[in-house]
Each structure stands twice: as structure tokens, then as C-alpha cells.
Protein backbone atom coordinates (compact mmCIF):
# COMPACT_ATOMS: atom_id res chain seq x y z
CA UNK A 1 13.23 -2.57 -17.83
CA UNK A 2 16.38 -0.91 -19.10
CA UNK A 3 19.30 -3.07 -20.11
CA UNK A 4 21.72 -3.61 -17.25
CA UNK A 5 19.23 -2.99 -14.42
CA UNK A 6 19.31 -6.64 -13.31
CA UNK A 7 23.11 -6.75 -13.24
CA UNK A 8 23.26 -3.38 -11.45
CA UNK A 9 20.77 -4.44 -8.77
CA UNK A 10 22.49 -7.77 -8.24
CA UNK A 11 25.92 -6.10 -8.07
CA UNK A 12 24.65 -3.55 -5.54
CA UNK A 13 23.01 -6.25 -3.41
CA UNK A 14 26.16 -8.41 -3.40
CA UNK A 15 28.36 -5.41 -2.61
CA UNK A 16 26.19 -4.39 0.38
CA UNK A 17 25.30 -7.83 1.75
CA UNK A 18 27.82 -10.27 0.34
CA UNK A 19 26.94 -13.13 -1.96
CA UNK A 20 23.64 -14.67 -1.00
CA UNK A 21 21.99 -17.72 -2.50
CA UNK A 22 19.98 -17.25 -5.70
CA UNK A 23 17.21 -19.82 -5.77
CA UNK A 24 15.07 -20.57 -8.83
CA UNK A 25 11.34 -21.02 -8.42
CA UNK A 26 8.34 -21.50 -10.72
CA UNK A 27 4.97 -20.22 -9.50
CA UNK A 28 1.73 -21.33 -11.16
CA UNK A 29 -0.95 -18.67 -10.86
CA UNK A 30 -4.65 -18.75 -11.67
CA UNK A 31 -5.77 -17.03 -14.89
CA UNK A 32 -6.21 -13.28 -14.42
CA UNK A 33 -3.94 -13.05 -11.35
CA UNK A 34 -2.74 -9.43 -10.87
CA UNK A 35 0.92 -10.52 -10.96
CA UNK A 36 0.52 -11.32 -14.64
CA UNK A 37 -0.18 -7.63 -15.33
CA UNK A 38 3.34 -6.59 -14.27
CA UNK A 39 4.81 -4.74 -17.24
CA UNK A 40 8.51 -5.06 -16.47
CA UNK A 41 10.02 -8.33 -17.57
CA UNK A 42 12.02 -9.17 -15.63
CA UNK A 43 10.51 -7.37 -12.64
CA UNK A 44 12.20 -6.78 -9.29
CA UNK A 45 10.56 -6.87 -5.87
CA UNK A 46 11.71 -6.92 -2.26
CA UNK A 47 10.14 -7.93 1.04
CA UNK A 48 10.66 -10.10 4.03
CA UNK A 49 10.36 -10.65 7.73
CA UNK A 50 9.98 -7.42 9.69
CA UNK A 51 10.59 -8.17 13.35
CA UNK A 52 10.18 -6.22 16.55
CA UNK A 53 12.21 -6.13 19.71
CA UNK A 54 10.51 -9.28 21.07
CA UNK A 55 11.26 -11.18 17.83
CA UNK A 56 7.65 -11.14 16.73
CA UNK A 57 7.13 -10.71 12.98
CA UNK A 58 4.81 -8.32 11.20
CA UNK A 59 2.54 -9.66 8.44
CA UNK A 60 -0.18 -8.06 6.35
CA UNK A 61 -3.43 -8.98 4.63
CA UNK A 62 -3.86 -7.13 1.34
CA UNK A 63 -7.13 -5.87 -0.07
CA UNK A 64 -8.82 -8.35 -2.45
CA UNK A 65 -7.72 -6.67 -5.70
CA UNK A 66 -4.08 -7.49 -4.91
CA UNK A 67 -4.78 -11.18 -5.56
CA UNK A 68 -3.57 -12.68 -2.27
CA UNK A 69 -6.98 -13.72 -0.94
CA UNK A 70 -6.81 -14.43 2.78
CA UNK A 71 -3.11 -15.30 2.80
CA UNK A 72 -0.83 -13.38 5.14
CA UNK A 73 2.22 -11.93 3.38
CA UNK A 74 5.36 -10.14 4.45
CA UNK A 75 5.52 -6.40 3.75
CA UNK A 76 7.10 -5.69 0.38
CA UNK A 77 6.44 -5.14 -3.29
CA UNK A 78 7.71 -4.05 -6.67
CA UNK A 79 10.76 -1.83 -6.94
CA UNK A 80 10.53 1.51 -8.68
CA UNK A 81 12.88 2.66 -11.40
CA UNK A 82 16.34 3.41 -10.03
CA UNK A 83 15.74 1.83 -6.61
CA UNK A 84 18.13 -0.61 -5.03
CA UNK A 85 16.61 -3.66 -3.36
CA UNK A 86 17.19 -2.10 0.08
CA UNK A 87 15.69 1.27 -0.86
CA UNK A 88 12.68 -0.50 -2.37
CA UNK A 89 12.20 -2.62 0.74
CA UNK A 90 12.33 0.42 3.02
CA UNK A 91 9.83 2.32 0.87
CA UNK A 92 7.43 -0.62 0.68
CA UNK A 93 7.49 -1.18 4.46
CA UNK A 94 6.82 2.56 5.02
CA UNK A 95 3.94 2.54 2.53
CA UNK A 96 2.33 -0.69 3.73
CA UNK A 97 2.72 -0.45 7.52
CA UNK A 98 4.13 3.02 8.29
CA UNK A 99 7.37 1.78 9.86
CA UNK A 100 11.05 2.49 9.39
CA UNK A 101 13.40 -0.50 9.44
CA UNK A 102 17.04 -1.02 10.43
CA UNK A 103 19.61 -3.82 10.49
CA UNK A 104 18.81 -5.22 7.03
CA UNK A 105 19.93 -8.74 6.22
CA UNK A 106 19.48 -10.00 2.68
CA UNK A 107 19.03 -13.77 3.06
CA UNK A 108 18.41 -14.87 -0.54
CA UNK A 109 17.29 -13.76 -3.98
CA UNK A 110 14.54 -15.76 -5.62
CA UNK A 111 14.66 -15.95 -9.40
CA UNK A 112 11.00 -16.43 -10.22
CA UNK A 113 9.10 -17.65 -13.25
CA UNK A 114 5.40 -16.84 -12.96
CA UNK A 115 2.86 -18.44 -15.29
CA UNK A 116 -0.91 -18.60 -15.61
CA UNK A 117 -0.70 -21.36 -18.27
CA UNK A 118 -1.06 -18.80 -21.09
CA UNK A 119 1.69 -16.27 -20.30
CA UNK A 120 5.02 -16.19 -18.49
CA UNK A 121 6.66 -13.41 -16.45
CA UNK A 122 10.17 -13.47 -15.01
CA UNK A 123 11.30 -11.68 -11.91
CA UNK A 124 13.54 -11.45 -8.89
CA UNK A 125 12.54 -11.20 -5.24
CA UNK A 126 15.07 -9.95 -2.69
CA UNK A 127 14.19 -11.61 0.63
CA UNK A 128 15.21 -9.73 3.79
CA UNK A 129 15.04 -9.88 7.54
CA UNK A 130 14.87 -6.37 9.07
CA UNK A 131 14.07 -4.86 12.45
CA UNK A 132 11.27 -2.34 12.90
CA UNK A 133 12.21 0.79 14.87
CA UNK A 134 8.79 0.79 16.59
CA UNK A 135 5.74 -1.45 17.00
CA UNK A 136 3.28 1.34 16.12
CA UNK A 137 1.82 -0.10 12.91
CA UNK A 138 -0.23 2.16 10.62
CA UNK A 139 -1.67 0.10 7.74
CA UNK A 140 -1.41 1.91 4.43
CA UNK A 141 -3.58 1.97 1.34
CA UNK A 142 -4.44 -1.51 0.11
CA UNK A 143 -3.75 -3.18 3.47
CA UNK A 144 -6.77 -4.78 5.20
CA UNK A 145 -4.89 -5.69 8.35
CA UNK A 146 -1.38 -5.70 9.78
CA UNK A 147 -0.59 -7.87 12.79
CA UNK A 148 2.40 -8.99 14.88
CA UNK A 149 2.88 -12.78 15.16
CA UNK A 150 5.09 -14.91 17.39
CA UNK A 151 4.91 -17.79 14.88
CA UNK A 152 4.59 -18.37 11.13
CA UNK A 153 0.86 -18.81 10.47
CA UNK A 154 -0.21 -21.71 8.27
CA UNK A 155 -1.83 -19.18 5.92
CA UNK A 156 1.47 -17.33 5.26
CA UNK A 157 2.14 -17.17 1.53
CA UNK A 158 5.47 -18.84 0.66
CA UNK A 159 5.72 -20.06 4.27
CA UNK A 160 8.55 -22.50 3.51
CA UNK A 161 10.68 -19.68 2.07
CA UNK A 162 10.62 -17.95 5.46
CA UNK A 163 10.96 -20.94 7.82
CA UNK A 164 14.77 -20.88 7.93
CA UNK A 165 14.91 -17.09 8.44
CA UNK A 166 12.27 -17.26 11.18
CA UNK A 167 14.08 -20.06 13.02
CA UNK A 168 17.35 -18.12 12.87
CA UNK A 169 15.56 -15.04 14.20
CA UNK A 170 13.88 -16.95 17.04
CA UNK A 171 17.22 -18.45 18.13
CA UNK A 172 18.71 -14.99 18.29
CA UNK A 173 21.46 -16.04 15.90
CA UNK A 174 22.97 -13.56 13.50
CA UNK A 175 22.41 -13.71 9.77
């Protein structure tokens, strides 16, 4: 990753959404996990709760080679060169579930340290809450299933990271 990309992405995110919390997290992964093959260090990714008009949330199951097993995850993924966190989120949601999103709210940035006990990768995850413009989901390549939920399933990856956002969404409060 080119020098200055991290500062530029953070500056853009803060300018668009105001200062949001940056939370540090360490994630222990099993040996051979696909996340350890990420070349950029640090890497940037974006994702989050995509909700519909009835405040249900959209989650996906990835194909096995993605490394998520049977865990539900929010739509999202790695940013491409030159993308802002918002542009990357919009692209990832389009690619994974075929939807456009509006009303983006950046709720936090997670500063992540990933390790498989032999290697370490550093990255940032921009966590959003966005509204889908339709409920007509079209799963993209690498997505086994996409489904609307009215609750956070127990098998949601990083479930605790989304609890506060989901509760705010369900109350109808603004972010």
C-alpha cells in the first residue's frame, strides 16, 4: 500500500462522517486462513449492516474458499486502490448482493491485527450502517446465500461488534 493511503482514507472518512471511534482488535485465525494471504499491509476493508425499509438486515454466507465456514457475515470486503471507504462499501454491496445503498453512517473503524500464530497482518475495517434501496437481492459470485433477518443470528461473525448498531437501528434512533 502506498505511503499516505491510511492517512488519506482516515481523513476522508472523518471529513465525510465526523470523528468516529477507532477500536483496536486482535483476531486469532487458524493456519492457512485466506485472510493471511492479503498482500497489502495494512489492508483496508469496509462492510456493515445493510437494512431494508422494515429494519431487517441483510447477511450473506460466503462460498467455502472465503474461509468463513457457516458464519453469516455482513456484506463488505477489501477496498481497491484509490477507493474511499464509502466507495468501497458501495462496490462490495453491489458485487455481493446486487443492491445500491443510501444513507451511509460510519459507526466505527476497527484497527485489526490478524495472526495465525506464524504471521501477522494489520488492517482497518470501516463499519457502516446503510439502507438498501430495494429488497431484491441478487447474490453475486462467491455468495452461497443472502437472506434478510429481523435479528442478529448467533452464527453472525463478529456479532458483538454489530449489537450496538443493530439496537440503534431497531429503536429507529439516528446514528
